[in-house]
Amino acid sequence: MEEYTIDNGLEQYHAQATEVKMLDLVSVGKAWHLLTETHSLLFTDVAVDLLSKKVSFVCNGQTHCFYITDPISNQIAKLGLGQSDSKIIENIHAPMPGLVLKILVQPGESVEINQPLIVLQAMKMENLIQSPISGVIESVHVVEGQTVEKREILVHYQTA
């Protein structure tokens, strides 16, 4: 049977797909309202990161964060094919030759996935270079107004 895993860092809850489908979750503007047999909960400031499967929200004045693992990801983990084989990203390279118009980050700054890092002009078009990972910027290798070649390092992340 398909099973979802919900992990808040302290405990895990396993839910069958049929249980998840039966949740009465209603969108109320920018908030979500969850109705159960015994409770009525309002969630605000809901943020979902589909790549990391992280969900965060505020309920009753407290911020909560958890990770949801879907049935396919559970099966991949059971087979030992998890993310341990994933490549660690240390540098962001210029995807094409161009002119650095704007640098949006600085060394020591924490960035999130998809956060804009640099605006690069190429062929009269502005291209937004975004972070593919959450991390901390160790160094920026370019300056505004600099011409860069394809694959030139733009930003370097701190590594563990």
N, C-alpha and C. Protein backbone atom coordinates (compact mmCIF):
# COMPACT_ATOMS: atom_id res chain seq x y z
N MET A 1 0.84 -1.18 0.00
CA MET A 1 0.00 0.00 0.00
C MET A 1 0.89 1.25 0.00
N GLU A 2 0.48 2.28 -0.70
CA GLU A 2 1.25 3.52 -0.77
C GLU A 2 1.25 4.23 0.57
N GLU A 3 2.45 4.64 1.00
CA GLU A 3 2.59 5.27 2.30
C GLU A 3 3.41 6.56 2.20
N TYR A 4 2.95 7.61 2.87
CA TYR A 4 3.68 8.86 2.98
C TYR A 4 4.35 8.89 4.35
N THR A 5 5.53 9.51 4.43
CA THR A 5 6.20 9.69 5.70
C THR A 5 6.29 11.17 5.98
N ILE A 6 5.87 11.58 7.18
CA ILE A 6 5.93 12.97 7.61
C ILE A 6 6.92 13.02 8.77
N ASP A 7 7.99 13.81 8.61
CA ASP A 7 9.08 13.84 9.59
C ASP A 7 9.30 15.27 10.05
N ASN A 8 9.17 15.53 11.35
CA ASN A 8 9.39 16.88 11.87
C ASN A 8 10.73 17.01 12.57
N GLY A 9 11.58 16.01 12.44
CA GLY A 9 12.90 16.03 13.07
C GLY A 9 12.91 15.38 14.43
N LEU A 10 11.76 15.26 15.07
CA LEU A 10 11.66 14.60 16.37
C LEU A 10 10.98 13.25 16.27
N GLU A 11 10.00 13.17 15.38
CA GLU A 11 9.28 11.92 15.20
C GLU A 11 8.79 11.80 13.76
N GLN A 12 8.45 10.57 13.40
CA GLN A 12 7.92 10.32 12.07
C GLN A 12 6.50 9.80 12.18
N TYR A 13 5.67 10.21 11.24
CA TYR A 13 4.31 9.71 11.16
C TYR A 13 4.15 9.10 9.78
N HIS A 14 3.59 7.91 9.72
CA HIS A 14 3.37 7.23 8.45
C HIS A 14 1.88 7.26 8.15
N ALA A 15 1.54 7.76 6.97
CA ALA A 15 0.13 7.87 6.58
C ALA A 15 -0.09 7.14 5.27
N GLN A 16 -1.16 6.38 5.22
CA GLN A 16 -1.53 5.70 3.99
C GLN A 16 -2.08 6.72 3.00
N ALA A 17 -1.91 6.46 1.73
CA ALA A 17 -2.38 7.39 0.70
C ALA A 17 -3.88 7.66 0.85
N THR A 18 -4.64 6.65 1.27
CA THR A 18 -6.08 6.85 1.44
C THR A 18 -6.37 7.85 2.56
N GLU A 19 -5.54 7.85 3.63
CA GLU A 19 -5.71 8.81 4.72
C GLU A 19 -5.43 10.24 4.24
N VAL A 20 -4.38 10.39 3.44
CA VAL A 20 -4.01 11.71 2.94
C VAL A 20 -5.11 12.26 2.04
N LYS A 21 -5.67 11.42 1.21
CA LYS A 21 -6.72 11.85 0.29
C LYS A 21 -8.00 12.27 1.03
N MET A 22 -8.20 11.74 2.25
CA MET A 22 -9.41 12.03 3.00
C MET A 22 -9.31 13.32 3.82
N LEU A 23 -8.14 13.97 3.86
CA LEU A 23 -8.00 15.21 4.63
C LEU A 23 -8.90 16.29 4.05
N ASP A 24 -9.56 17.02 4.91
CA ASP A 24 -10.41 18.13 4.49
C ASP A 24 -9.60 19.42 4.63
N LEU A 25 -8.84 19.74 3.60
CA LEU A 25 -7.95 20.89 3.60
C LEU A 25 -8.47 21.90 2.59
N VAL A 26 -8.77 23.12 3.07
CA VAL A 26 -9.39 24.13 2.23
C VAL A 26 -8.53 25.39 2.20
N SER A 27 -8.33 25.94 1.02
CA SER A 27 -7.60 27.19 0.87
C SER A 27 -8.50 28.35 1.26
N VAL A 28 -7.95 29.24 2.15
CA VAL A 28 -8.68 30.43 2.59
C VAL A 28 -7.77 31.62 2.34
N GLY A 29 -7.85 32.21 1.16
CA GLY A 29 -6.93 33.29 0.81
C GLY A 29 -5.52 32.75 0.74
N LYS A 30 -4.61 33.30 1.55
CA LYS A 30 -3.23 32.82 1.58
C LYS A 30 -3.00 31.82 2.70
N ALA A 31 -4.06 31.42 3.37
CA ALA A 31 -3.96 30.46 4.47
C ALA A 31 -4.66 29.16 4.07
N TRP A 32 -4.52 28.15 4.94
CA TRP A 32 -5.17 26.85 4.73
C TRP A 32 -5.92 26.48 5.99
N HIS A 33 -7.09 25.90 5.82
CA HIS A 33 -7.93 25.48 6.93
C HIS A 33 -8.05 23.95 6.87
N LEU A 34 -7.67 23.27 7.97
CA LEU A 34 -7.74 21.81 8.04
C LEU A 34 -8.82 21.43 9.03
N LEU A 35 -9.77 20.63 8.58
CA LEU A 35 -10.84 20.15 9.44
C LEU A 35 -10.65 18.65 9.67
N THR A 36 -10.68 18.25 10.93
CA THR A 36 -10.67 16.83 11.28
C THR A 36 -11.94 16.57 12.08
N GLU A 37 -12.11 15.33 12.56
CA GLU A 37 -13.30 15.01 13.34
C GLU A 37 -13.34 15.80 14.65
N THR A 38 -12.16 16.15 15.19
CA THR A 38 -12.11 16.80 16.50
C THR A 38 -11.48 18.19 16.50
N HIS A 39 -10.88 18.62 15.40
CA HIS A 39 -10.16 19.89 15.39
C HIS A 39 -10.45 20.70 14.14
N SER A 40 -10.24 22.00 14.30
CA SER A 40 -10.28 22.93 13.18
C SER A 40 -9.02 23.77 13.31
N LEU A 41 -8.10 23.66 12.36
CA LEU A 41 -6.81 24.34 12.44
C LEU A 41 -6.64 25.29 11.26
N LEU A 42 -6.07 26.47 11.54
CA LEU A 42 -5.78 27.45 10.49
C LEU A 42 -4.27 27.57 10.36
N PHE A 43 -3.75 27.36 9.16
CA PHE A 43 -2.32 27.44 8.87
C PHE A 43 -2.07 28.70 8.04
N THR A 44 -1.11 29.54 8.49
CA THR A 44 -0.74 30.74 7.75
C THR A 44 0.74 30.67 7.39
N ASP A 45 1.19 31.58 6.57
CA ASP A 45 2.59 31.64 6.14
C ASP A 45 3.08 30.28 5.66
N VAL A 46 2.26 29.63 4.86
CA VAL A 46 2.60 28.30 4.36
C VAL A 46 3.63 28.42 3.25
N ALA A 47 4.72 27.65 3.38
CA ALA A 47 5.76 27.62 2.35
C ALA A 47 6.07 26.16 2.03
N VAL A 48 6.12 25.85 0.75
CA VAL A 48 6.39 24.48 0.31
C VAL A 48 7.57 24.51 -0.65
N ASP A 49 8.59 23.73 -0.35
CA ASP A 49 9.75 23.57 -1.23
C ASP A 49 9.64 22.18 -1.84
N LEU A 50 9.21 22.10 -3.09
CA LEU A 50 8.98 20.81 -3.73
C LEU A 50 10.26 20.00 -3.92
N LEU A 51 11.38 20.67 -4.11
CA LEU A 51 12.62 19.95 -4.33
C LEU A 51 13.06 19.21 -3.07
N SER A 52 13.06 19.88 -1.94
CA SER A 52 13.48 19.24 -0.69
C SER A 52 12.31 18.60 0.04
N LYS A 53 11.08 18.81 -0.44
CA LYS A 53 9.84 18.30 0.16
C LYS A 53 9.64 18.83 1.57
N LYS A 54 10.06 20.08 1.77
CA LYS A 54 9.95 20.74 3.08
C LYS A 54 8.70 21.62 3.09
N VAL A 55 7.94 21.52 4.18
CA VAL A 55 6.75 22.34 4.36
C VAL A 55 6.91 23.08 5.68
N SER A 56 6.67 24.38 5.65
CA SER A 56 6.69 25.16 6.89
C SER A 56 5.44 26.02 6.94
N PHE A 57 4.98 26.29 8.17
CA PHE A 57 3.76 27.05 8.34
C PHE A 57 3.67 27.55 9.79
N VAL A 58 2.72 28.47 10.02
CA VAL A 58 2.45 28.97 11.36
C VAL A 58 1.04 28.50 11.73
N CYS A 59 0.92 27.90 12.93
CA CYS A 59 -0.37 27.45 13.45
C CYS A 59 -0.40 27.76 14.94
N ASN A 60 -1.45 28.43 15.39
CA ASN A 60 -1.57 28.83 16.80
C ASN A 60 -0.36 29.62 17.28
N GLY A 61 0.19 30.47 16.41
CA GLY A 61 1.30 31.32 16.79
C GLY A 61 2.65 30.65 16.80
N GLN A 62 2.73 29.38 16.48
CA GLN A 62 4.01 28.66 16.46
C GLN A 62 4.37 28.26 15.04
N THR A 63 5.66 28.41 14.72
CA THR A 63 6.15 27.99 13.41
C THR A 63 6.49 26.51 13.45
N HIS A 64 6.05 25.79 12.45
CA HIS A 64 6.30 24.35 12.35
C HIS A 64 6.96 24.06 11.01
N CYS A 65 7.79 23.04 11.00
CA CYS A 65 8.48 22.64 9.78
C CYS A 65 8.55 21.13 9.75
N PHE A 66 8.29 20.55 8.58
CA PHE A 66 8.42 19.10 8.45
C PHE A 66 8.70 18.74 7.00
N TYR A 67 9.08 17.50 6.80
CA TYR A 67 9.38 16.98 5.47
C TYR A 67 8.39 15.88 5.15
N ILE A 68 7.91 15.86 3.93
CA ILE A 68 6.99 14.82 3.49
C ILE A 68 7.69 13.98 2.42
N THR A 69 7.72 12.70 2.65
CA THR A 69 8.32 11.78 1.68
C THR A 69 7.20 10.98 1.04
N ASP A 70 7.12 11.00 -0.27
CA ASP A 70 6.06 10.33 -0.99
C ASP A 70 6.38 8.84 -1.17
N PRO A 71 5.40 8.04 -1.59
CA PRO A 71 5.62 6.59 -1.72
C PRO A 71 6.80 6.21 -2.63
N ILE A 72 6.99 6.92 -3.71
CA ILE A 72 8.10 6.59 -4.62
C ILE A 72 9.43 6.85 -3.94
N SER A 73 9.56 7.99 -3.25
CA SER A 73 10.80 8.30 -2.54
C SER A 73 11.06 7.29 -1.43
N ASN A 74 9.99 6.84 -0.74
CA ASN A 74 10.15 5.80 0.29
C ASN A 74 10.71 4.52 -0.31
N GLN A 75 10.19 4.14 -1.48
CA GLN A 75 10.67 2.92 -2.13
C GLN A 75 12.12 3.06 -2.58
N ILE A 76 12.49 4.22 -3.10
CA ILE A 76 13.87 4.48 -3.51
C ILE A 76 14.81 4.36 -2.31
N ALA A 77 14.40 4.91 -1.17
CA ALA A 77 15.22 4.82 0.04
C ALA A 77 15.36 3.37 0.50
N LYS A 78 14.27 2.60 0.43
CA LYS A 78 14.32 1.18 0.84
C LYS A 78 15.29 0.40 -0.04
N LEU A 79 15.42 0.81 -1.29
CA LEU A 79 16.34 0.13 -2.22
C LEU A 79 17.77 0.63 -2.07
N GLY A 80 17.98 1.62 -1.21
CA GLY A 80 19.33 2.14 -0.99
C GLY A 80 19.81 3.07 -2.08
N LEU A 81 18.89 3.66 -2.80
CA LEU A 81 19.25 4.55 -3.92
C LEU A 81 18.97 6.00 -3.57
N GLY A 82 19.19 6.39 -2.32
CA GLY A 82 18.87 7.74 -1.84
C GLY A 82 19.77 8.81 -2.39
N GLN A 83 19.75 9.97 -1.77
CA GLN A 83 20.47 11.13 -2.24
C GLN A 83 21.95 11.10 -1.91
N SER A 84 22.43 10.07 -1.25
CA SER A 84 23.84 10.03 -0.89
C SER A 84 24.75 10.05 -2.12
N ASP A 85 24.20 9.65 -3.26
CA ASP A 85 24.98 9.66 -4.48
C ASP A 85 24.88 10.99 -5.23
N SER A 86 24.11 11.95 -4.68
CA SER A 86 23.92 13.20 -5.40
C SER A 86 25.19 14.05 -5.37
N LYS A 87 25.36 14.82 -6.42
CA LYS A 87 26.54 15.66 -6.57
C LYS A 87 26.43 16.90 -5.70
N ILE A 88 27.52 17.25 -5.04
CA ILE A 88 27.56 18.46 -4.22
C ILE A 88 27.92 19.62 -5.14
N ILE A 89 27.15 20.69 -5.07
CA ILE A 89 27.40 21.86 -5.90
C ILE A 89 28.26 22.84 -5.11
N GLU A 90 29.41 23.20 -5.66
CA GLU A 90 30.31 24.14 -5.00
C GLU A 90 30.36 25.49 -5.72
N ASN A 91 30.17 25.48 -7.04
CA ASN A 91 30.31 26.70 -7.84
C ASN A 91 29.11 26.89 -8.75
N ILE A 92 28.83 28.15 -9.05
CA ILE A 92 27.86 28.49 -10.10
C ILE A 92 28.67 29.06 -11.25
N HIS A 93 28.48 28.49 -12.42
CA HIS A 93 29.23 28.89 -13.62
C HIS A 93 28.32 29.70 -14.55
N ALA A 94 28.91 30.56 -15.33
CA ALA A 94 28.15 31.31 -16.34
C ALA A 94 27.64 30.32 -17.38
N PRO A 95 26.33 30.33 -17.65
CA PRO A 95 25.79 29.39 -18.63
C PRO A 95 26.09 29.80 -20.07
N MET A 96 26.55 31.05 -20.24
CA MET A 96 26.84 31.58 -21.57
C MET A 96 27.75 32.79 -21.41
N PRO A 97 28.42 33.22 -22.47
CA PRO A 97 29.20 34.46 -22.35
C PRO A 97 28.25 35.63 -22.16
N GLY A 98 28.71 36.64 -21.43
CA GLY A 98 27.84 37.79 -21.23
C GLY A 98 28.46 38.85 -20.35
N LEU A 99 27.65 39.80 -19.97
CA LEU A 99 28.06 40.94 -19.16
C LEU A 99 27.32 40.88 -17.83
N VAL A 100 28.07 40.95 -16.73
CA VAL A 100 27.46 40.94 -15.39
C VAL A 100 26.83 42.31 -15.16
N LEU A 101 25.50 42.37 -15.10
CA LEU A 101 24.80 43.63 -14.89
C LEU A 101 24.63 43.94 -13.41
N LYS A 102 24.30 42.91 -12.62
CA LYS A 102 24.03 43.15 -11.20
C LYS A 102 24.38 41.92 -10.39
N ILE A 103 25.03 42.14 -9.26
CA ILE A 103 25.32 41.07 -8.30
C ILE A 103 24.34 41.24 -7.15
N LEU A 104 23.57 40.20 -6.86
CA LEU A 104 22.49 40.28 -5.88
C LEU A 104 22.83 39.64 -4.54
N VAL A 105 24.03 39.07 -4.41
CA VAL A 105 24.45 38.42 -3.16
C VAL A 105 25.85 38.86 -2.80
N GLN A 106 26.24 38.58 -1.57
CA GLN A 106 27.59 38.91 -1.13
C GLN A 106 28.13 37.76 -0.28
N PRO A 107 29.46 37.67 -0.14
CA PRO A 107 30.05 36.60 0.66
C PRO A 107 29.48 36.59 2.08
N GLY A 108 29.23 35.38 2.58
CA GLY A 108 28.68 35.21 3.92
C GLY A 108 27.17 35.17 3.96
N GLU A 109 26.53 35.50 2.85
CA GLU A 109 25.06 35.54 2.81
C GLU A 109 24.50 34.14 2.61
N SER A 110 23.45 33.82 3.37
CA SER A 110 22.72 32.56 3.20
C SER A 110 21.73 32.73 2.06
N VAL A 111 21.64 31.73 1.20
CA VAL A 111 20.70 31.78 0.09
C VAL A 111 19.84 30.52 0.09
N GLU A 112 18.66 30.66 -0.51
CA GLU A 112 17.73 29.55 -0.63
C GLU A 112 17.68 29.08 -2.08
N ILE A 113 17.12 27.93 -2.30
CA ILE A 113 16.94 27.40 -3.65
C ILE A 113 16.12 28.40 -4.47
N ASN A 114 16.55 28.65 -5.68
CA ASN A 114 15.92 29.55 -6.65
C ASN A 114 16.07 31.03 -6.31
N GLN A 115 16.86 31.37 -5.29
CA GLN A 115 17.09 32.78 -4.99
C GLN A 115 17.98 33.38 -6.07
N PRO A 116 17.62 34.55 -6.59
CA PRO A 116 18.46 35.19 -7.61
C PRO A 116 19.84 35.54 -7.05
N LEU A 117 20.88 35.26 -7.85
CA LEU A 117 22.26 35.54 -7.45
C LEU A 117 22.87 36.67 -8.28
N ILE A 118 22.70 36.56 -9.61
CA ILE A 118 23.36 37.49 -10.53
C ILE A 118 22.45 37.73 -11.74
N VAL A 119 22.49 38.94 -12.27
CA VAL A 119 21.82 39.24 -13.53
C VAL A 119 22.91 39.32 -14.59
N LEU A 120 22.80 38.45 -15.59
CA LEU A 120 23.79 38.35 -16.66
C LEU A 120 23.12 38.73 -17.99
N GLN A 121 23.71 39.71 -18.69
CA GLN A 121 23.17 40.11 -19.99
C GLN A 121 23.90 39.34 -21.09
N ALA A 122 23.12 38.71 -21.95
CA ALA A 122 23.68 37.99 -23.08
C ALA A 122 22.74 38.16 -24.26
N MET A 123 23.27 38.50 -25.40
CA MET A 123 22.49 38.71 -26.62
C MET A 123 21.34 39.69 -26.38
N LYS A 124 21.62 40.80 -25.66
CA LYS A 124 20.68 41.87 -25.37
C LYS A 124 19.51 41.43 -24.48
N MET A 125 19.66 40.27 -23.81
CA MET A 125 18.62 39.79 -22.89
C MET A 125 19.21 39.66 -21.50
N GLU A 126 18.41 40.02 -20.49
CA GLU A 126 18.85 39.85 -19.12
C GLU A 126 18.47 38.45 -18.64
N ASN A 127 19.44 37.73 -18.10
CA ASN A 127 19.23 36.37 -17.61
C ASN A 127 19.49 36.35 -16.11
N LEU A 128 18.52 35.86 -15.38
CA LEU A 128 18.64 35.78 -13.93
C LEU A 128 19.28 34.44 -13.56
N ILE A 129 20.46 34.49 -12.94
CA ILE A 129 21.15 33.29 -12.50
C ILE A 129 20.68 33.01 -11.08
N GLN A 130 20.04 31.85 -10.87
CA GLN A 130 19.47 31.52 -9.57
C GLN A 130 20.26 30.40 -8.89
N SER A 131 20.12 30.33 -7.58
CA SER A 131 20.80 29.30 -6.81
C SER A 131 20.07 27.97 -6.94
N PRO A 132 20.79 26.91 -7.30
CA PRO A 132 20.15 25.59 -7.39
C PRO A 132 20.06 24.89 -6.03
N ILE A 133 20.70 25.48 -5.00
CA ILE A 133 20.73 24.87 -3.68
C ILE A 133 20.54 25.93 -2.59
N SER A 134 20.26 25.48 -1.39
CA SER A 134 20.32 26.35 -0.21
C SER A 134 21.74 26.25 0.32
N GLY A 135 22.33 27.36 0.70
CA GLY A 135 23.69 27.33 1.20
C GLY A 135 24.17 28.72 1.57
N VAL A 136 25.47 28.82 1.79
CA VAL A 136 26.09 30.09 2.16
C VAL A 136 27.11 30.45 1.09
N ILE A 137 27.06 31.69 0.62
CA ILE A 137 28.00 32.17 -0.39
C ILE A 137 29.36 32.38 0.27
N GLU A 138 30.39 31.72 -0.24
CA GLU A 138 31.74 31.93 0.28
C GLU A 138 32.41 33.08 -0.44
N SER A 139 32.25 33.12 -1.79
CA SER A 139 32.89 34.20 -2.54
C SER A 139 32.15 34.45 -3.84
N VAL A 140 32.24 35.69 -4.30
CA VAL A 140 31.70 36.09 -5.60
C VAL A 140 32.92 36.39 -6.47
N HIS A 141 33.03 35.73 -7.62
CA HIS A 141 34.23 35.82 -8.44
C HIS A 141 34.15 36.85 -9.56
N VAL A 142 33.07 37.62 -9.60
CA VAL A 142 32.91 38.62 -10.66
C VAL A 142 32.49 39.95 -10.04
N VAL A 143 32.56 41.00 -10.85
CA VAL A 143 32.10 42.32 -10.42
C VAL A 143 31.12 42.84 -11.48
N GLU A 144 30.28 43.77 -11.06
CA GLU A 144 29.33 44.37 -12.01
C GLU A 144 30.10 45.05 -13.13
N GLY A 145 29.63 44.85 -14.36
CA GLY A 145 30.28 45.43 -15.53
C GLY A 145 31.33 44.52 -16.16
N GLN A 146 31.62 43.39 -15.53
CA GLN A 146 32.64 42.46 -16.04
C GLN A 146 32.05 41.57 -17.13
N THR A 147 32.83 41.33 -18.16
CA THR A 147 32.47 40.38 -19.20
C THR A 147 32.95 39.00 -18.78
N VAL A 148 32.09 37.99 -18.94
CA VAL A 148 32.47 36.63 -18.56
C VAL A 148 32.32 35.69 -19.75
N GLU A 149 33.08 34.63 -19.70
CA GLU A 149 33.00 33.59 -20.72
C GLU A 149 32.11 32.46 -20.22
N LYS A 150 31.63 31.65 -21.12
CA LYS A 150 30.84 30.48 -20.76
C LYS A 150 31.66 29.60 -19.82
N ARG A 151 31.01 29.08 -18.75
CA ARG A 151 31.60 28.19 -17.73
C ARG A 151 32.53 28.90 -16.76
N GLU A 152 32.65 30.22 -16.85
CA GLU A 152 33.47 30.95 -15.89
C GLU A 152 32.76 30.93 -14.54
N ILE A 153 33.51 30.76 -13.45
CA ILE A 153 32.92 30.71 -12.12
C ILE A 153 32.40 32.09 -11.73
N LEU A 154 31.13 32.13 -11.31
CA LEU A 154 30.51 33.36 -10.86
C LEU A 154 30.48 33.43 -9.33
N VAL A 155 30.05 32.34 -8.71
CA VAL A 155 29.86 32.29 -7.26
C VAL A 155 30.37 30.95 -6.73
N HIS A 156 30.96 30.99 -5.52
CA HIS A 156 31.45 29.78 -4.87
C HIS A 156 30.73 29.65 -3.52
N TYR A 157 30.18 28.44 -3.22
CA TYR A 157 29.50 28.17 -1.97
C TYR A 157 30.46 27.64 -0.92
N GLN A 158 30.14 27.88 0.35
CA GLN A 158 30.89 27.25 1.43
C GLN A 158 30.60 25.76 1.41
N THR A 159 31.61 24.96 1.67
CA THR A 159 31.42 23.51 1.72
C THR A 159 31.75 23.02 3.11
N ALA A 160 31.15 21.91 3.45
CA ALA A 160 31.37 21.35 4.82
C ALA A 160 32.76 20.81 5.01
